[in-house]
Protein backbone atom coordinates (compact mmCIF):
# COMPACT_ATOMS: atom_id res chain seq x y z
CA UNK A 1 15.06 -7.88 13.62
CA UNK A 2 14.34 -4.39 14.96
CA UNK A 3 16.05 -1.16 13.99
CA UNK A 4 16.20 1.97 16.16
CA UNK A 5 17.37 4.46 13.55
CA UNK A 6 17.08 4.94 9.85
CA UNK A 7 17.15 7.36 6.96
CA UNK A 8 14.31 9.46 8.45
CA UNK A 9 15.39 9.45 12.10
CA UNK A 10 15.57 13.28 12.06
CA UNK A 11 11.91 13.63 10.98
CA UNK A 12 8.92 13.93 13.33
CA UNK A 13 5.48 13.13 11.92
CA UNK A 14 2.15 13.90 13.60
CA UNK A 15 -0.13 11.15 12.34
CA UNK A 16 -3.87 11.85 12.55
CA UNK A 17 -4.80 9.03 10.19
CA UNK A 18 -6.91 5.95 10.70
CA UNK A 19 -8.02 2.77 8.92
CA UNK A 20 -5.61 1.94 6.06
CA UNK A 21 -4.41 4.50 3.48
CA UNK A 22 -3.01 6.99 6.01
CA UNK A 23 -1.60 4.42 8.45
CA UNK A 24 0.01 2.53 5.54
CA UNK A 25 1.70 5.79 4.47
CA UNK A 26 3.09 6.53 7.92
CA UNK A 27 4.02 2.87 8.46
CA UNK A 28 6.43 3.07 5.52
CA UNK A 29 8.06 6.18 6.99
CA UNK A 30 8.12 4.84 10.55
CA UNK A 31 9.99 1.74 9.37
CA UNK A 32 12.48 4.13 7.72
CA UNK A 33 13.17 5.64 11.12
CA UNK A 34 10.77 8.60 11.29
CA UNK A 35 9.44 9.51 14.73
CA UNK A 36 5.76 8.87 13.97
CA UNK A 37 3.43 10.05 16.72
CA UNK A 38 0.00 8.56 16.11
CA UNK A 39 -2.65 10.87 17.59
CA UNK A 40 -5.81 8.95 18.47
CA UNK A 41 -9.21 9.78 19.92
CA UNK A 42 -9.22 9.27 23.72
CA UNK A 43 -10.81 5.96 24.87
CA UNK A 44 -11.59 4.95 21.26
CA UNK A 45 -8.55 5.21 19.03
CA UNK A 46 -8.20 4.27 15.39
CA UNK A 47 -11.29 2.50 14.00
CA UNK A 48 -9.17 -0.51 13.11
CA UNK A 49 -8.56 -1.31 16.77
CA UNK A 50 -12.06 -2.83 16.44
CA UNK A 51 -11.35 -4.59 13.10
CA UNK A 52 -10.66 -8.32 12.99
CA UNK A 53 -9.02 -10.69 12.89
CA UNK A 54 -8.38 -10.67 16.65
CA UNK A 55 -5.95 -12.61 18.78
CA UNK A 56 -6.10 -12.39 22.56
CA UNK A 57 -8.69 -9.63 22.08
CA UNK A 58 -6.28 -7.45 20.09
CA UNK A 59 -6.69 -6.43 16.44
CA UNK A 60 -4.06 -7.98 14.18
CA UNK A 61 -5.24 -5.59 11.45
CA UNK A 62 -4.22 -2.60 13.57
CA UNK A 63 -1.02 -4.31 14.70
CA UNK A 64 0.13 -4.90 11.12
CA UNK A 65 0.08 -1.31 9.82
CA UNK A 66 0.79 0.62 13.01
CA UNK A 67 4.06 -0.93 14.12
CA UNK A 68 7.12 1.27 14.66
CA UNK A 69 4.85 4.15 15.80
CA UNK A 70 4.07 5.84 19.12
CA UNK A 71 0.46 6.36 20.26
CA UNK A 72 -0.86 9.33 22.17
CA UNK A 73 -4.45 10.38 22.77
CA UNK A 74 -5.73 13.90 22.17
CA UNK A 75 -9.21 15.37 21.83
CA UNK A 76 -9.04 17.88 18.98
CA UNK A 77 -12.65 18.88 19.59
CA UNK A 78 -11.58 20.53 22.84
CA UNK A 79 -9.99 23.98 22.93
CA UNK A 80 -7.14 22.72 25.10
CA UNK A 81 -6.58 19.79 22.73
CA UNK A 82 -6.26 22.12 19.75
CA UNK A 83 -3.77 24.32 21.62
CA UNK A 84 -1.65 21.30 22.52
CA UNK A 85 -1.75 20.03 18.94
CA UNK A 86 -0.56 23.38 17.56
CA UNK A 87 2.27 23.43 20.10
CA UNK A 88 3.31 20.03 18.79
CA UNK A 89 3.10 21.34 15.21
CA UNK A 90 5.82 23.87 16.07
CA UNK A 91 8.22 20.99 16.70
CA UNK A 92 7.13 18.65 13.91
CA UNK A 93 8.10 18.25 10.26
CA UNK A 94 5.00 16.58 8.85
CA UNK A 95 1.27 16.39 9.60
CA UNK A 96 -0.70 13.60 7.92
CA UNK A 97 -4.50 13.30 8.00
CA UNK A 98 -7.12 11.37 6.07
CA UNK A 99 -10.34 13.02 7.12
CA UNK A 100 -12.90 14.11 4.56
CA UNK A 101 -11.83 17.50 3.10
CA UNK A 102 -12.88 20.36 5.36
CA UNK A 103 -12.94 18.45 8.65
CA UNK A 104 -9.58 19.80 9.82
CA UNK A 105 -10.74 23.34 9.04
CA UNK A 106 -13.91 22.81 11.08
CA UNK A 107 -11.76 21.61 13.98
CA UNK A 108 -9.75 24.81 13.74
CA UNK A 109 -6.48 23.10 12.83
CA UNK A 110 -6.55 23.15 9.02
CA UNK A 111 -3.59 23.88 6.80
CA UNK A 112 -3.90 27.68 6.92
CA UNK A 113 -3.75 27.63 10.72
CA UNK A 114 -0.93 25.10 10.82
CA UNK A 115 1.09 27.00 8.21
CA UNK A 116 0.93 30.17 10.34
CA UNK A 117 2.26 28.24 13.31
CA UNK A 118 5.03 26.50 11.33
CA UNK A 119 5.58 27.45 7.68
CA UNK A 120 8.10 24.61 7.27
CA UNK A 121 5.48 21.96 7.95
CA UNK A 122 4.63 19.43 5.23
CA UNK A 123 0.86 18.92 5.42
CA UNK A 124 -0.49 15.78 3.78
CA UNK A 125 -4.20 15.16 3.21
CA UNK A 126 -5.32 11.75 1.92
CA UNK A 127 -8.96 11.42 0.85
CA UNK A 128 -11.16 9.60 -1.62
CA UNK A 129 -11.29 12.29 -4.29
CA UNK A 130 -8.79 14.92 -3.15
CA UNK A 131 -9.36 18.37 -1.65
CA UNK A 132 -10.56 20.08 -4.84
CA UNK A 133 -12.74 19.23 -7.82
CA UNK A 134 -16.48 18.51 -8.21
CA UNK A 135 -16.33 15.29 -6.16
CA UNK A 136 -14.10 16.48 -3.34
CA UNK A 137 -16.93 16.36 -0.77
CA UNK A 138 -17.77 12.74 -1.50
CA UNK A 139 -16.75 10.08 1.03
CA UNK A 140 -14.22 7.61 -0.27
CA UNK A 141 -13.26 4.05 0.60
CA UNK A 142 -11.12 1.58 -1.29
CA UNK A 143 -14.04 0.07 -3.19
CA UNK A 144 -15.12 3.55 -4.31
CA UNK A 145 -11.60 4.25 -5.60
CA UNK A 146 -11.42 0.95 -7.47
CA UNK A 147 -14.85 1.53 -9.01
CA UNK A 148 -14.41 5.13 -10.18
CA UNK A 149 -10.68 4.88 -10.84
CA UNK A 150 -11.32 2.32 -13.60
CA UNK A 151 -9.75 -0.76 -12.00
CA UNK A 152 -12.92 -2.77 -11.38
CA UNK A 153 -14.17 -2.44 -14.95
CA UNK A 154 -10.76 -3.59 -16.17
CA UNK A 155 -10.40 -6.55 -13.80
CA UNK A 156 -12.01 -9.97 -14.04
CA UNK A 157 -13.26 -12.19 -16.85
CA UNK A 158 -15.51 -11.08 -19.72
CA UNK A 159 -18.40 -13.15 -18.40
CA UNK A 160 -18.12 -12.25 -14.70
CA UNK A 161 -18.50 -8.48 -14.75
CA UNK A 162 -16.39 -5.83 -12.99
CA UNK A 163 -14.27 -7.27 -10.18
CA UNK A 164 -12.70 -5.65 -7.15
CA UNK A 165 -9.05 -6.47 -6.59
CA UNK A 166 -8.78 -8.93 -3.70
CA UNK A 167 -6.85 -6.50 -1.54
CA UNK A 168 -7.41 -2.80 -0.87
CA UNK A 169 -5.35 -1.50 -3.79
CA UNK A 170 -6.89 1.97 -3.59
CA UNK A 171 -5.80 2.38 0.01
CA UNK A 172 -2.37 0.82 -0.49
CA UNK A 173 -1.61 2.96 -3.55
CA UNK A 174 -2.93 6.02 -1.71
CA UNK A 175 -0.59 5.28 1.18
CA UNK A 176 2.39 4.76 -1.09
CA UNK A 177 1.64 7.97 -3.00
CA UNK A 178 1.36 9.79 0.31
CA UNK A 179 4.80 8.55 1.36
CA UNK A 180 6.28 9.60 -1.99
CA UNK A 181 4.67 13.02 -1.67
CA UNK A 182 6.07 13.48 1.84
CA UNK A 183 9.59 12.60 0.81
CA UNK A 184 9.40 14.94 -2.20
CA UNK A 185 8.00 17.80 -0.10
CA UNK A 186 10.67 17.35 2.57
CA UNK A 187 13.35 17.72 -0.07
CA UNK A 188 11.40 20.63 -1.56
CA UNK A 189 11.67 22.29 1.84
CA UNK A 190 15.45 22.04 1.55
CA UNK A 191 15.17 23.85 -1.79
CA UNK A 192 12.67 26.58 -0.87
CA UNK A 193 12.91 26.76 2.91
CA UNK A 194 9.14 26.28 3.15
CA UNK A 195 6.78 23.38 3.63
CA UNK A 196 3.73 22.76 1.46
CA UNK A 197 0.46 20.90 1.13
CA UNK A 198 0.43 17.45 -0.43
CA UNK A 199 -2.98 16.39 -1.74
CA UNK A 200 -3.56 12.66 -2.28
CA UNK A 201 -6.69 11.14 -3.84
CA UNK A 202 -7.36 7.39 -3.70
CA UNK A 203 -9.14 7.62 -7.07
CA UNK A 204 -6.14 9.42 -8.61
CA UNK A 205 -3.87 6.62 -7.40
CA UNK A 206 -5.96 3.96 -9.10
CA UNK A 207 -6.29 5.95 -12.32
CA UNK A 208 -2.53 6.53 -12.42
CA UNK A 209 -1.93 2.78 -12.14
CA UNK A 210 -4.05 1.79 -15.16
CA UNK A 211 -1.08 2.19 -17.55
CA UNK A 212 -1.84 0.08 -20.64
CA UNK A 213 -5.62 0.28 -20.30
CA UNK A 214 -5.63 4.02 -20.79
CA UNK A 215 -3.30 4.06 -23.79
CA UNK A 216 -5.28 1.28 -25.46
CA UNK A 217 -8.42 3.36 -25.14
CA UNK A 218 -6.59 6.44 -26.45
CA UNK A 219 -5.26 4.51 -29.43
CA UNK A 220 -8.49 2.77 -30.45
CA UNK A 221 -11.35 4.76 -28.92
CA UNK A 222 -12.72 1.44 -27.65
CA UNK A 223 -13.18 0.57 -23.98
CA UNK A 224 -10.78 -2.30 -23.17
CA UNK A 225 -12.50 -5.57 -22.32
CA UNK A 226 -11.74 -7.65 -19.25
CA UNK A 227 -9.21 -10.31 -20.17
CA UNK A 228 -8.96 -12.46 -17.05
CA UNK A 229 -5.34 -13.43 -16.43
CA UNK A 230 -4.36 -12.73 -20.02
CA UNK A 231 -2.35 -9.62 -20.83
CA UNK A 232 -3.84 -7.41 -23.50
CA UNK A 233 -0.78 -6.92 -25.73
CA UNK A 234 1.25 -10.13 -25.43
CA UNK A 235 0.66 -13.86 -25.80
CA UNK A 236 1.32 -16.33 -24.30
CA UNK A 237 1.20 -14.18 -21.15
CA UNK A 238 -1.49 -15.91 -19.12
CA UNK A 239 -2.30 -18.63 -16.61
CA UNK A 240 -2.25 -22.23 -17.81
CA UNK A 241 -3.19 -25.69 -16.57
CA UNK A 242 -0.87 -28.27 -15.07
CA UNK A 243 -1.70 -31.70 -13.67
CA UNK A 244 -2.25 -30.43 -10.11
CA UNK A 245 -3.15 -26.77 -10.56
CA UNK A 246 -2.34 -23.61 -12.49
CA UNK A 247 0.84 -21.70 -13.24
CA UNK A 248 1.67 -18.53 -15.16
CA UNK A 249 3.84 -18.12 -18.23
CA UNK A 250 5.19 -14.81 -19.51
CA UNK A 251 6.59 -14.76 -23.05
CA UNK A 252 7.29 -11.03 -23.09
CA UNK A 253 8.90 -10.94 -26.53
CA UNK A 254 9.35 -12.94 -29.73
CA UNK A 255 12.59 -14.58 -28.60
CA UNK A 256 11.02 -15.95 -25.42
CA UNK A 257 8.05 -17.26 -27.38
CA UNK A 258 10.35 -19.11 -29.77
CA UNK A 259 12.35 -20.63 -26.91
CA UNK A 260 9.16 -21.79 -25.24
CA UNK A 261 7.66 -23.17 -28.45
CA UNK A 262 10.76 -25.32 -29.01
CA UNK A 263 10.73 -26.48 -25.38
CA UNK A 264 7.05 -27.50 -25.61
CA UNK A 265 7.52 -29.38 -28.87
CA UNK A 266 5.61 -26.75 -30.85
CA UNK A 267 8.45 -25.56 -33.04
CA UNK A 268 6.24 -25.65 -36.11
CA UNK A 269 4.10 -22.88 -34.61
CA UNK A 270 6.99 -20.42 -34.85
CA UNK A 271 6.50 -20.12 -38.62
CA UNK A 272 2.76 -20.77 -38.59
CA UNK A 273 1.04 -17.61 -39.90
CA UNK A 274 -1.52 -17.77 -37.07
CA UNK A 275 1.23 -17.36 -34.46
CA UNK A 276 3.97 -15.62 -36.42
CA UNK A 277 4.08 -12.51 -34.22
CA UNK A 278 2.51 -10.92 -31.14
CA UNK A 279 -0.62 -9.48 -32.78
CA UNK A 280 -1.34 -12.79 -34.54
CA UNK A 281 -0.90 -14.80 -31.34
CA UNK A 282 -3.31 -12.45 -29.58
CA UNK A 283 -5.81 -12.89 -32.39
CA UNK A 284 -5.64 -16.67 -31.98
CA UNK A 285 -4.98 -16.81 -28.23
CA UNK A 286 -7.81 -19.25 -27.42
CA UNK A 287 -6.52 -22.03 -29.64
CA UNK A 288 -2.93 -21.35 -28.58
CA UNK A 289 -3.93 -21.52 -24.91
CA UNK A 290 -5.55 -24.89 -25.56
CA UNK A 291 -2.35 -26.20 -27.18
CA UNK A 292 -0.23 -25.04 -24.25
CA UNK A 293 -2.66 -26.53 -21.74
CA UNK A 294 -2.59 -29.87 -23.57
CA UNK A 295 1.20 -29.87 -23.20
CA UNK A 296 1.53 -28.69 -19.61
CA UNK A 297 -1.26 -30.89 -18.21
CA UNK A 298 1.27 -33.72 -18.39
CA UNK A 299 3.35 -32.08 -15.64
CA UNK A 300 2.96 -31.08 -12.02
CA UNK A 301 3.06 -27.32 -11.44
CA UNK A 302 6.44 -27.51 -9.73
CA UNK A 303 7.94 -29.54 -12.57
CA UNK A 304 6.58 -27.51 -15.48
CA UNK A 305 7.65 -24.23 -13.89
CA UNK A 306 11.17 -25.55 -13.35
CA UNK A 307 11.32 -26.85 -16.91
CA UNK A 308 10.30 -23.47 -18.34
CA UNK A 309 12.57 -21.48 -16.01
CA UNK A 310 15.54 -23.69 -16.84
CA UNK A 311 15.02 -22.72 -20.49
CA UNK A 312 15.24 -19.05 -19.53
CA UNK A 313 11.54 -18.20 -19.96
CA UNK A 314 9.61 -16.45 -17.13
CA UNK A 315 7.15 -18.73 -15.33
CA UNK A 316 5.84 -19.09 -11.79
CA UNK A 317 3.47 -21.07 -9.60
CA UNK A 318 0.36 -19.24 -8.37
CA UNK A 319 0.78 -18.87 -4.62
CA UNK A 320 -1.96 -18.78 -2.05
CA UNK A 321 -1.24 -17.15 1.32
CA UNK A 322 0.05 -20.36 2.88
CA UNK A 323 2.64 -20.87 0.16
CA UNK A 324 3.58 -17.20 0.10
CA UNK A 325 4.42 -16.92 3.80
CA UNK A 326 6.55 -20.07 3.64
CA UNK A 327 8.55 -19.20 0.53
CA UNK A 328 12.31 -19.15 1.17
CA UNK A 329 12.96 -16.18 -1.11
CA UNK A 330 9.98 -13.91 -0.44
CA UNK A 331 9.29 -14.64 3.21
CA UNK A 332 12.78 -15.44 4.42
CA UNK A 333 15.55 -13.92 2.29
CA UNK A 334 13.54 -10.80 1.39
CA UNK A 335 11.99 -10.50 4.89
CA UNK A 336 8.48 -9.81 3.63
CA UNK A 337 6.87 -11.43 6.67
CA UNK A 338 8.63 -10.23 9.79
CA UNK A 339 8.34 -12.13 13.09
CA UNK A 340 7.36 -9.86 15.96
CA UNK A 341 6.41 -10.34 19.60
CA UNK A 342 3.39 -8.18 20.44
CA UNK A 343 2.77 -7.62 24.19
CA UNK A 344 -0.88 -8.75 23.91
CA UNK A 345 -1.12 -10.77 20.70
CA UNK A 346 2.13 -12.60 21.36
CA UNK A 347 4.15 -14.06 18.50
CA UNK A 348 2.93 -12.82 15.11
CA UNK A 349 4.18 -11.80 11.69
CA UNK A 350 3.70 -8.39 10.09
CA UNK A 351 4.14 -7.56 6.41
CA UNK A 352 7.68 -6.36 5.67
CA UNK A 353 8.94 -3.41 3.67
CA UNK A 354 9.01 -3.55 -0.12
CA UNK A 355 11.67 -0.81 -0.25
CA UNK A 356 15.06 -2.07 0.97
CA UNK A 357 17.47 0.66 2.04
CA UNK A 358 20.83 -1.02 1.99
CA UNK A 359 22.77 1.66 3.88
CA UNK A 360 20.41 3.14 6.47
CA UNK A 361 18.52 -0.12 6.71
CA UNK A 362 14.80 0.11 7.36
CA UNK A 363 12.66 -2.41 9.18
CA UNK A 364 10.09 -3.03 11.87
CA UNK A 365 11.31 -1.29 15.02
CA UNK A 366 8.70 -2.27 17.64
CA UNK A 367 5.13 -3.60 17.86
CA UNK A 368 2.05 -1.44 17.33
CA UNK A 369 1.33 0.60 20.46
CA UNK A 370 -1.57 0.27 22.86
CA UNK A 371 -3.92 3.26 22.90
CA UNK A 372 -2.15 6.21 24.50
CA UNK A 373 0.86 4.09 25.41
CA UNK A 374 3.28 6.95 24.82
CA UNK A 375 1.29 9.81 26.37
CA UNK A 376 3.77 10.35 29.17
CA UNK A 377 6.88 9.95 27.00
CA UNK A 378 5.76 12.19 24.11
CA UNK A 379 4.11 14.98 26.12
CA UNK A 380 7.02 15.15 28.55
CA UNK A 381 9.72 15.14 25.86
CA UNK A 382 7.99 17.30 23.26
CA UNK A 383 6.10 19.80 25.42
CA UNK A 384 7.65 19.44 28.88
CA UNK A 385 4.42 18.38 30.64
CA UNK A 386 4.87 16.92 34.11
CA UNK A 387 2.82 14.24 35.85
CA UNK A 388 0.36 16.71 37.37
CA UNK A 389 -0.33 18.31 34.00
CA UNK A 390 -0.87 14.94 32.36
CA UNK A 391 -3.32 13.88 35.08
CA UNK A 392 -5.21 17.15 34.72
CA UNK A 393 -5.50 16.68 30.95
CA UNK A 394 -6.66 13.11 31.40
CA UNK A 395 -9.25 14.05 34.04
CA UNK A 396 -10.60 16.75 31.72
CA UNK A 397 -10.90 14.36 28.77
CA UNK A 398 -8.27 16.18 26.71
CA UNK A 399 -6.01 13.12 26.44
């Protein structure tokens, strides 16, 4: 289903971002109704237009995170291109970029210039390490953020070494933090009458998400070890074996543990000193895991999960992508995989919105645009350019 308006339908965003963190940020806001104008390099566009997987010669990567946006082309390295951009800034609410710090200043369209043109603008910069600090000049990708933000050292099994999260968590968190920052700054503008800079670091986003790992280090002075699928403060809170695969079990408190122990025929363990409370169960987690595996290996994953859930204890199968996209709750009821007809790719699904606005409903509004698809529409409506002007700009390599 497509939606034409939303909670942000009065907001215009000039989107200079590419690859993932920035486009993910503006994707969230575009699905909420913002008028996101994606400004791309003429004849080339966002790098991800060349990223696979491809279908009918079109990037599905690009199509996923750039839906609900408009695409125009503009050469910011040209004097005319910079002038046009600053004219657009006068009519916009937000500028988002994810260049390395200093690039926008070198182009002559950095925050100080933009702020003079429109002091109500919210200017968002997303980079690997942020715009200030000793590492601000370093390039940053997701794997850099996961490595230096502490996530890789904290993820994996003791014997396997540091492990990157399977998806680009640094970029995704950076994009989400960017969207949060934009929404806060827009409301701040209502309070102060002025816009402001929002500075987002991918490394900061990872570090902020470490939660329990940081406080464990603070409390003990010891670097937390990798624990695989096991949680560091609770047990049983881990993955376990069934007859046909693995499932997860989450006994988040003493009551849930006691319910589960009775269900699994281990009632005697409730008063056993080795398993009497959370710290003791953690101390003896290996032998307890073996006992639980011995019990659950008698069941299929589907059956053991249902048995545990019916008792009121959290449990779940471990989904791969195939199972995830077919799940009736996640994929269908919660609309986390939205069917869309792309003009080149054809029928496809894009990832849905995790935030559900129940009044001004958000959702995918239209497919990702072709490069410069909205040149005529945006330049005519926003700046009043006619056909002759557009042809002149195109001939001169400005758009």
